[in-house]
C-alpha atoms as a PDB file:
ATOM      1  CA  UNK A   1      10.872 -23.549  11.679  1.00  0.00           C
ATOM      2  CA  UNK A   2      10.759 -20.791  14.310  1.00  0.00           C
ATOM      3  CA  UNK A   3      12.200 -21.908  17.665  1.00  0.00           C
ATOM      4  CA  UNK A   4      10.851 -20.213  20.765  1.00  0.00           C
ATOM      5  CA  UNK A   5      12.691 -17.197  22.108  1.00  0.00           C
ATOM      6  CA  UNK A   6      15.129 -17.519  25.022  1.00  0.00           C
ATOM      7  CA  UNK A   7      12.946 -16.089  27.802  1.00  0.00           C
ATOM      8  CA  UNK A   8      15.877 -15.190  30.055  1.00  0.00           C
ATOM      9  CA  UNK A   9      17.630 -13.267  27.282  1.00  0.00           C
ATOM     10  CA  UNK A  10      14.385 -11.464  26.443  1.00  0.00           C
ATOM     11  CA  UNK A  11      13.758 -10.561  30.079  1.00  0.00           C
ATOM     12  CA  UNK A  12      17.253  -9.149  30.405  1.00  0.00           C
ATOM     13  CA  UNK A  13      16.786  -7.110  27.250  1.00  0.00           C
ATOM     14  CA  UNK A  14      13.438  -5.819  28.433  1.00  0.00           C
ATOM     15  CA  UNK A  15      14.772  -4.775  31.825  1.00  0.00           C
ATOM     16  CA  UNK A  16      17.782  -3.101  30.264  1.00  0.00           C
ATOM     17  CA  UNK A  17      15.616  -1.130  27.867  1.00  0.00           C
ATOM     18  CA  UNK A  18      13.282  -0.157  30.634  1.00  0.00           C
ATOM     19  CA  UNK A  19      16.078   1.303  32.755  1.00  0.00           C
ATOM     20  CA  UNK A  20      17.155   3.658  29.971  1.00  0.00           C
ATOM     21  CA  UNK A  21      13.959   5.711  30.205  1.00  0.00           C
ATOM     22  CA  UNK A  22      13.702   8.849  32.281  1.00  0.00           C
ATOM     23  CA  UNK A  23       9.911   8.386  32.440  1.00  0.00           C
ATOM     24  CA  UNK A  24       7.609   5.401  32.228  1.00  0.00           C
ATOM     25  CA  UNK A  25       3.844   5.648  32.505  1.00  0.00           C
ATOM     26  CA  UNK A  26       2.272   8.037  29.994  1.00  0.00           C
ATOM     27  CA  UNK A  27       5.606   8.626  28.238  1.00  0.00           C
ATOM     28  CA  UNK A  28       5.664   9.802  24.611  1.00  0.00           C
ATOM     29  CA  UNK A  29       6.470   7.532  21.684  1.00  0.00           C
ATOM     30  CA  UNK A  30      10.077   6.373  22.234  1.00  0.00           C
ATOM     31  CA  UNK A  31      12.816   4.268  20.623  1.00  0.00           C
ATOM     32  CA  UNK A  32      15.845   2.676  22.280  1.00  0.00           C
ATOM     33  CA  UNK A  33      18.960   1.076  20.786  1.00  0.00           C
ATOM     34  CA  UNK A  34      21.738  -0.585  22.758  1.00  0.00           C
ATOM     35  CA  UNK A  35      24.693  -2.939  22.554  1.00  0.00           C
ATOM     36  CA  UNK A  36      24.569  -4.523  26.066  1.00  0.00           C
ATOM     37  CA  UNK A  37      28.190  -5.656  25.803  1.00  0.00           C
ATOM     38  CA  UNK A  38      29.761  -2.223  25.575  1.00  0.00           C
ATOM     39  CA  UNK A  39      30.129   0.453  28.256  1.00  0.00           C
ATOM     40  CA  UNK A  40      28.179   3.139  26.413  1.00  0.00           C
ATOM     41  CA  UNK A  41      24.658   3.925  27.645  1.00  0.00           C
ATOM     42  CA  UNK A  42      21.681   2.968  25.549  1.00  0.00           C
ATOM     43  CA  UNK A  43      20.463   5.482  22.972  1.00  0.00           C
ATOM     44  CA  UNK A  44      16.990   6.757  23.821  1.00  0.00           C
ATOM     45  CA  UNK A  45      15.054   8.892  21.321  1.00  0.00           C
ATOM     46  CA  UNK A  46      11.657  10.433  21.969  1.00  0.00           C
ATOM     47  CA  UNK A  47       9.506  11.415  18.985  1.00  0.00           C
ATOM     48  CA  UNK A  48      10.317  14.911  17.810  1.00  0.00           C
ATOM     49  CA  UNK A  49      13.475  15.371  19.884  1.00  0.00           C
ATOM     50  CA  UNK A  50      16.996  16.157  18.668  1.00  0.00           C
ATOM     51  CA  UNK A  51      17.975  12.545  18.027  1.00  0.00           C
ATOM     52  CA  UNK A  52      14.964  11.934  15.788  1.00  0.00           C
ATOM     53  CA  UNK A  53      15.947  12.324  12.115  1.00  0.00           C
ATOM     54  CA  UNK A  54      12.305  12.332  10.960  1.00  0.00           C
ATOM     55  CA  UNK A  55      10.182  15.414  11.500  1.00  0.00           C
ATOM     56  CA  UNK A  56       6.799  13.684  11.014  1.00  0.00           C
ATOM     57  CA  UNK A  57       4.705  13.290  14.149  1.00  0.00           C
ATOM     58  CA  UNK A  58       4.455   9.598  15.015  1.00  0.00           C
ATOM     59  CA  UNK A  59       7.736   8.620  13.273  1.00  0.00           C
ATOM     60  CA  UNK A  60      11.179   8.174  14.828  1.00  0.00           C
ATOM     61  CA  UNK A  61      14.218   7.548  12.611  1.00  0.00           C
ATOM     62  CA  UNK A  62      17.764   6.814  13.803  1.00  0.00           C
ATOM     63  CA  UNK A  63      20.951   6.304  11.785  1.00  0.00           C
ATOM     64  CA  UNK A  64      24.359   5.752  13.361  1.00  0.00           C
ATOM     65  CA  UNK A  65      26.775   3.450  15.154  1.00  0.00           C
ATOM     66  CA  UNK A  66      25.644   1.398  18.157  1.00  0.00           C
ATOM     67  CA  UNK A  67      28.414  -0.615  19.850  1.00  0.00           C
ATOM     68  CA  UNK A  68      29.633  -3.444  17.598  1.00  0.00           C
ATOM     69  CA  UNK A  69      27.097  -2.483  14.919  1.00  0.00           C
ATOM     70  CA  UNK A  70      28.589   0.054  12.510  1.00  0.00           C
ATOM     71  CA  UNK A  71      25.443   0.489  10.406  1.00  0.00           C
ATOM     72  CA  UNK A  72      22.023   0.988  11.963  1.00  0.00           C
ATOM     73  CA  UNK A  73      19.130   2.573  10.118  1.00  0.00           C
ATOM     74  CA  UNK A  74      15.968   2.160  12.164  1.00  0.00           C
ATOM     75  CA  UNK A  75      12.468   3.644  11.886  1.00  0.00           C
ATOM     76  CA  UNK A  76       9.556   3.279  14.277  1.00  0.00           C
ATOM     77  CA  UNK A  77       5.994   4.335  13.348  1.00  0.00           C
ATOM     78  CA  UNK A  78       3.025   4.860  15.634  1.00  0.00           C
ATOM     79  CA  UNK A  79      -0.038   7.042  16.079  1.00  0.00           C
ATOM     80  CA  UNK A  80      -1.236   9.441  14.765  1.00  0.00           C
ATOM     81  CA  UNK A  81       0.372   8.449  11.456  1.00  0.00           C
ATOM     82  CA  UNK A  82      -0.917   4.858  11.638  1.00  0.00           C
ATOM     83  CA  UNK A  83      -3.648   3.304  13.721  1.00  0.00           C
ATOM     84  CA  UNK A  84      -5.727   2.668  15.565  1.00  0.00           C
ATOM     85  CA  UNK A  85      -3.706   0.341  17.790  1.00  0.00           C
ATOM     86  CA  UNK A  86      -0.803  -0.153  15.342  1.00  0.00           C
ATOM     87  CA  UNK A  87       2.945  -0.089  15.908  1.00  0.00           C
ATOM     88  CA  UNK A  88       5.675  -0.770  13.327  1.00  0.00           C
ATOM     89  CA  UNK A  89       9.467  -1.143  13.653  1.00  0.00           C
ATOM     90  CA  UNK A  90      11.874  -1.668  10.762  1.00  0.00           C
ATOM     91  CA  UNK A  91      15.678  -1.794  10.836  1.00  0.00           C
ATOM     92  CA  UNK A  92      18.773  -2.727   8.864  1.00  0.00           C
ATOM     93  CA  UNK A  93      21.974  -3.466  10.798  1.00  0.00           C
ATOM     94  CA  UNK A  94      25.576  -4.429   9.876  1.00  0.00           C
ATOM     95  CA  UNK A  95      28.076  -5.583  12.490  1.00  0.00           C
ATOM     96  CA  UNK A  96      31.731  -4.513  12.603  1.00  0.00           C
ATOM     97  CA  UNK A  97      32.445  -7.412  14.967  1.00  0.00           C
ATOM     98  CA  UNK A  98      30.539 -10.063  16.898  1.00  0.00           C
ATOM     99  CA  UNK A  99      27.883  -8.559  19.119  1.00  0.00           C
ATOM    100  CA  UNK A 100      24.303  -8.112  20.236  1.00  0.00           C
ATOM    101  CA  UNK A 101      21.963  -5.274  19.391  1.00  0.00           C
ATOM    102  CA  UNK A 102      18.733  -4.450  21.208  1.00  0.00           C
ATOM    103  CA  UNK A 103      16.181  -2.357  19.333  1.00  0.00           C
ATOM    104  CA  UNK A 104      12.787  -1.375  20.685  1.00  0.00           C
ATOM    105  CA  UNK A 105       9.900   1.067  20.357  1.00  0.00           C
ATOM    106  CA  UNK A 106       7.052   1.705  22.743  1.00  0.00           C
ATOM    107  CA  UNK A 107       4.016   4.006  22.828  1.00  0.00           C
ATOM    108  CA  UNK A 108       1.271   4.675  25.389  1.00  0.00           C
ATOM    109  CA  UNK A 109      -2.368   5.811  25.459  1.00  0.00           C
ATOM    110  CA  UNK A 110      -3.811   3.395  22.923  1.00  0.00           C
ATOM    111  CA  UNK A 111      -7.560   3.153  23.362  1.00  0.00           C
ATOM    112  CA  UNK A 112      -9.250   1.032  20.689  1.00  0.00           C
ATOM    113  CA  UNK A 113     -11.506  -1.777  21.898  1.00  0.00           C
ATOM    114  CA  UNK A 114     -10.033  -4.753  19.952  1.00  0.00           C
ATOM    115  CA  UNK A 115      -8.729  -7.592  22.117  1.00  0.00           C
ATOM    116  CA  UNK A 116      -7.268  -9.637  19.241  1.00  0.00           C
ATOM    117  CA  UNK A 117      -3.916  -8.701  17.752  1.00  0.00           C
ATOM    118  CA  UNK A 118      -1.569 -10.083  15.148  1.00  0.00           C
ATOM    119  CA  UNK A 119       2.182  -9.773  15.750  1.00  0.00           C
ATOM    120  CA  UNK A 120       3.944  -9.936  12.391  1.00  0.00           C
ATOM    121  CA  UNK A 121       7.609  -9.949  11.415  1.00  0.00           C
ATOM    122  CA  UNK A 122       9.851 -10.789   8.495  1.00  0.00           C
ATOM    123  CA  UNK A 123      13.278 -10.116   7.071  1.00  0.00           C
ATOM    124  CA  UNK A 124      16.693 -11.665   6.527  1.00  0.00           C
ATOM    125  CA  UNK A 125      19.638 -12.351   8.846  1.00  0.00           C
ATOM    126  CA  UNK A 126      23.075 -13.898   8.795  1.00  0.00           C
ATOM    127  CA  UNK A 127      22.888 -14.295  12.586  1.00  0.00           C
ATOM    128  CA  UNK A 128      19.817 -14.663  14.769  1.00  0.00           C
ATOM    129  CA  UNK A 129      16.874 -12.518  15.790  1.00  0.00           C
ATOM    130  CA  UNK A 130      14.453 -12.613  18.713  1.00  0.00           C
ATOM    131  CA  UNK A 131      11.155 -10.744  18.796  1.00  0.00           C
ATOM    132  CA  UNK A 132       8.739  -9.957  21.606  1.00  0.00           C
ATOM    133  CA  UNK A 133       5.472  -8.009  21.408  1.00  0.00           C
ATOM    134  CA  UNK A 134       4.135  -6.502  24.634  1.00  0.00           C
ATOM    135  CA  UNK A 135       0.788  -5.137  25.860  1.00  0.00           C
ATOM    136  CA  UNK A 136       0.446  -3.292  29.160  1.00  0.00           C
ATOM    137  CA  UNK A 137      -2.927  -2.446  30.704  1.00  0.00           C
ATOM    138  CA  UNK A 138      -0.937  -0.228  33.123  1.00  0.00           C
ATOM    139  CA  UNK A 139      -0.046   2.045  30.182  1.00  0.00           C
ATOM    140  CA  UNK A 140       3.692   2.124  30.939  1.00  0.00           C
ATOM    141  CA  UNK A 141       6.329   2.479  28.209  1.00  0.00           C
ATOM    142  CA  UNK A 142       8.135  -0.848  27.760  1.00  0.00           C
ATOM    143  CA  UNK A 143       5.809  -2.334  30.399  1.00  0.00           C
ATOM    144  CA  UNK A 144       3.495  -5.290  30.562  1.00  0.00           C
ATOM    145  CA  UNK A 145       3.739  -8.862  29.348  1.00  0.00           C
ATOM    146  CA  UNK A 146       4.586 -10.445  26.009  1.00  0.00           C
ATOM    147  CA  UNK A 147       1.497 -11.656  24.162  1.00  0.00           C
ATOM    148  CA  UNK A 148       3.672 -13.014  21.337  1.00  0.00           C
ATOM    149  CA  UNK A 149       7.321 -14.093  21.082  1.00  0.00           C
ATOM    150  CA  UNK A 150       9.360 -15.886  18.431  1.00  0.00           C
ATOM    151  CA  UNK A 151      12.902 -16.218  17.093  1.00  0.00           C
ATOM    152  CA  UNK A 152      14.929 -17.324  14.096  1.00  0.00           C
ATOM    153  CA  UNK A 153      18.545 -18.486  13.627  1.00  0.00           C
ATOM    154  CA  UNK A 154      20.144 -18.503  10.188  1.00  0.00           C
ATOM    155  CA  UNK A 155      21.653 -21.652   8.725  1.00  0.00           C
ATOM    156  CA  UNK A 156      23.430 -22.279   5.384  1.00  0.00           C
ATOM    157  CA  UNK A 157      21.002 -21.370   2.616  1.00  0.00           C
ATOM    158  CA  UNK A 158      18.324 -20.288   5.094  1.00  0.00           C
ATOM    159  CA  UNK A 159      18.511 -16.571   5.805  1.00  0.00           C
ATOM    160  CA  UNK A 160      14.932 -15.333   5.406  1.00  0.00           C
ATOM    161  CA  UNK A 161      12.176 -15.520   7.968  1.00  0.00           C
ATOM    162  CA  UNK A 162       8.561 -14.405   8.532  1.00  0.00           C
ATOM    163  CA  UNK A 163       5.672 -15.192  10.815  1.00  0.00           C
ATOM    164  CA  UNK A 164       2.245 -13.947  11.894  1.00  0.00           C
ATOM    165  CA  UNK A 165       1.141 -14.703  15.455  1.00  0.00           C
ATOM    166  CA  UNK A 166      -2.502 -14.215  16.414  1.00  0.00           C
ATOM    167  CA  UNK A 167      -3.056 -13.566  20.126  1.00  0.00           C
ATOM    168  CA  UNK A 168      -5.538 -12.086  22.587  1.00  0.00           C
ATOM    169  CA  UNK A 169      -4.846  -9.351  25.126  1.00  0.00           C
ATOM    170  CA  UNK A 170      -6.842  -8.300  28.168  1.00  0.00           C
ATOM    171  CA  UNK A 171      -7.407  -4.995  29.919  1.00  0.00           C
ATOM    172  CA  UNK A 172      -9.151  -1.764  29.087  1.00  0.00           C
ATOM    173  CA  UNK A 173      -7.924   1.551  27.731  1.00  0.00           C
ATOM    174  CA  UNK A 174      -5.563   3.321  27.921  1.00  0.00           C
ATOM    175  CA  UNK A 175      -2.737   0.822  27.362  1.00  0.00           C
ATOM    176  CA  UNK A 176       0.762   0.678  25.900  1.00  0.00           C
ATOM    177  CA  UNK A 177       2.273  -1.432  23.113  1.00  0.00           C
ATOM    178  CA  UNK A 178       5.932  -2.377  22.687  1.00  0.00           C
ATOM    179  CA  UNK A 179       8.061  -4.185  20.105  1.00  0.00           C
ATOM    180  CA  UNK A 180      11.424  -5.603  21.247  1.00  0.00           C
ATOM    181  CA  UNK A 181      14.011  -7.015  18.843  1.00  0.00           C
ATOM    182  CA  UNK A 182      17.318  -8.661  19.753  1.00  0.00           C
ATOM    183  CA  UNK A 183      19.907  -9.212  17.023  1.00  0.00           C
ATOM    184  CA  UNK A 184      22.923 -11.504  17.534  1.00  0.00           C
ATOM    185  CA  UNK A 185      25.891 -11.613  15.127  1.00  0.00           C
ATOM    186  CA  UNK A 186      28.805 -14.015  15.481  1.00  0.00           C
ATOM    187  CA  UNK A 187      31.296 -11.909  13.488  1.00  0.00           C
ATOM    188  CA  UNK A 188      31.920  -8.817  11.349  1.00  0.00           C
ATOM    189  CA  UNK A 189      30.135  -7.837   8.122  1.00  0.00           C
ATOM    190  CA  UNK A 190      26.972  -9.769   8.971  1.00  0.00           C
ATOM    191  CA  UNK A 191      23.670  -8.182   8.020  1.00  0.00           C
ATOM    192  CA  UNK A 192      20.223  -8.320   9.580  1.00  0.00           C
ATOM    193  CA  UNK A 193      17.127  -6.542   8.348  1.00  0.00           C
ATOM    194  CA  UNK A 194      13.568  -6.813   9.595  1.00  0.00           C
ATOM    195  CA  UNK A 195      10.120  -5.292   9.802  1.00  0.00           C
ATOM    196  CA  UNK A 196       7.955  -6.081  12.852  1.00  0.00           C
ATOM    197  CA  UNK A 197       4.442  -4.846  13.536  1.00  0.00           C
ATOM    198  CA  UNK A 198       1.480  -5.025  15.873  1.00  0.00           C
ATOM    199  CA  UNK A 199      -2.000  -4.688  14.351  1.00  0.00           C
ATOM    200  CA  UNK A 200      -5.487  -5.169  15.817  1.00  0.00           C
ATOM    201  CA  UNK A 201      -7.691  -7.826  14.211  1.00  0.00           C
ATOM    202  CA  UNK A 202     -11.129  -6.383  13.415  1.00  0.00           C
ATOM    203  CA  UNK A 203     -14.194  -8.425  14.156  1.00  0.00           C
ATOM    204  CA  UNK A 204     -15.558 -10.089  10.971  1.00  0.00           C
ATOM    205  CA  UNK A 205     -18.568  -8.352   9.467  1.00  0.00           C
ATOM    206  CA  UNK A 206     -20.620 -11.532  10.089  1.00  0.00           C
ATOM    207  CA  UNK A 207     -20.045 -11.174  13.855  1.00  0.00           C
ATOM    208  CA  UNK A 208     -21.145  -7.556  13.781  1.00  0.00           C
ATOM    209  CA  UNK A 209     -24.306  -8.572  11.893  1.00  0.00           C
ATOM    210  CA  UNK A 210     -24.951 -11.391  14.372  1.00  0.00           C
ATOM    211  CA  UNK A 211     -24.544  -8.970  17.269  1.00  0.00           C
ATOM    212  CA  UNK A 212     -26.979  -6.518  15.670  1.00  0.00           C
ATOM    213  CA  UNK A 213     -29.520  -9.284  15.085  1.00  0.00           C
ATOM    214  CA  UNK A 214     -29.312 -10.475  18.669  1.00  0.00           C
ATOM    215  CA  UNK A 215     -29.680  -6.927  19.928  1.00  0.00           C
ATOM    216  CA  UNK A 216     -32.787  -6.546  17.735  1.00  0.00           C
ATOM    217  CA  UNK A 217     -34.332  -9.752  19.073  1.00  0.00           C
ATOM    218  CA  UNK A 218     -33.681  -8.628  22.626  1.00  0.00           C
ATOM    219  CA  UNK A 219     -35.420  -5.302  21.924  1.00  0.00           C
ATOM    220  CA  UNK A 220     -38.465  -7.097  20.491  1.00  0.00           C
ATOM    221  CA  UNK A 221     -38.726  -9.331  23.544  1.00  0.00           C
ATOM    222  CA  UNK A 222     -38.615  -6.328  25.844  1.00  0.00           C
ATOM    223  CA  UNK A 223     -41.466  -4.713  23.879  1.00  0.00           C
ATOM    224  CA  UNK A 224     -43.597  -7.837  24.205  1.00  0.00           C
END
């Protein structure tokens, strides 16, 4: 069972992450991590900058302490390493005390034509996790609206979760994609791990064949 995400909590997380950026529209691939309950500013890492532990173009890796979370190893992957229209975020996190962790990645200038996407996630938690997947026709980092949201709260003997959400998006290229994750732990030494991804859904071959056949019929009618 996957209860719906708390929309107010998600909105607050999204706004907080958005305010950490020094640029918005047409920004490079970027990752943010933040504990909203401490006084420290959010960590913002652009692909290929000093805070990025991975030298591969299209990959951002962070490892370190974020607020109440003493262990955070997080990797985001985007174009040109994967694609077209794909985004992937994976993370493992251990809390030193009760707290909330916000983790997000965003990239701009996607341009493939697909309007159907699958938002996928899975992992394990001893607390709770909220996920939101955003598309923005305005091409702004961390911008736009959620086309898929979901959440999971652990219970005794029930720590693993997964889901695939098929959805449609609207608007032409270029556009941005964003994955937001919110982790909540009620105490120390709790562990959450996850992998979340956005992938376009290709049209079935049968639809391409049907389109080609219809185009051929239309051409014949024009000739007649």
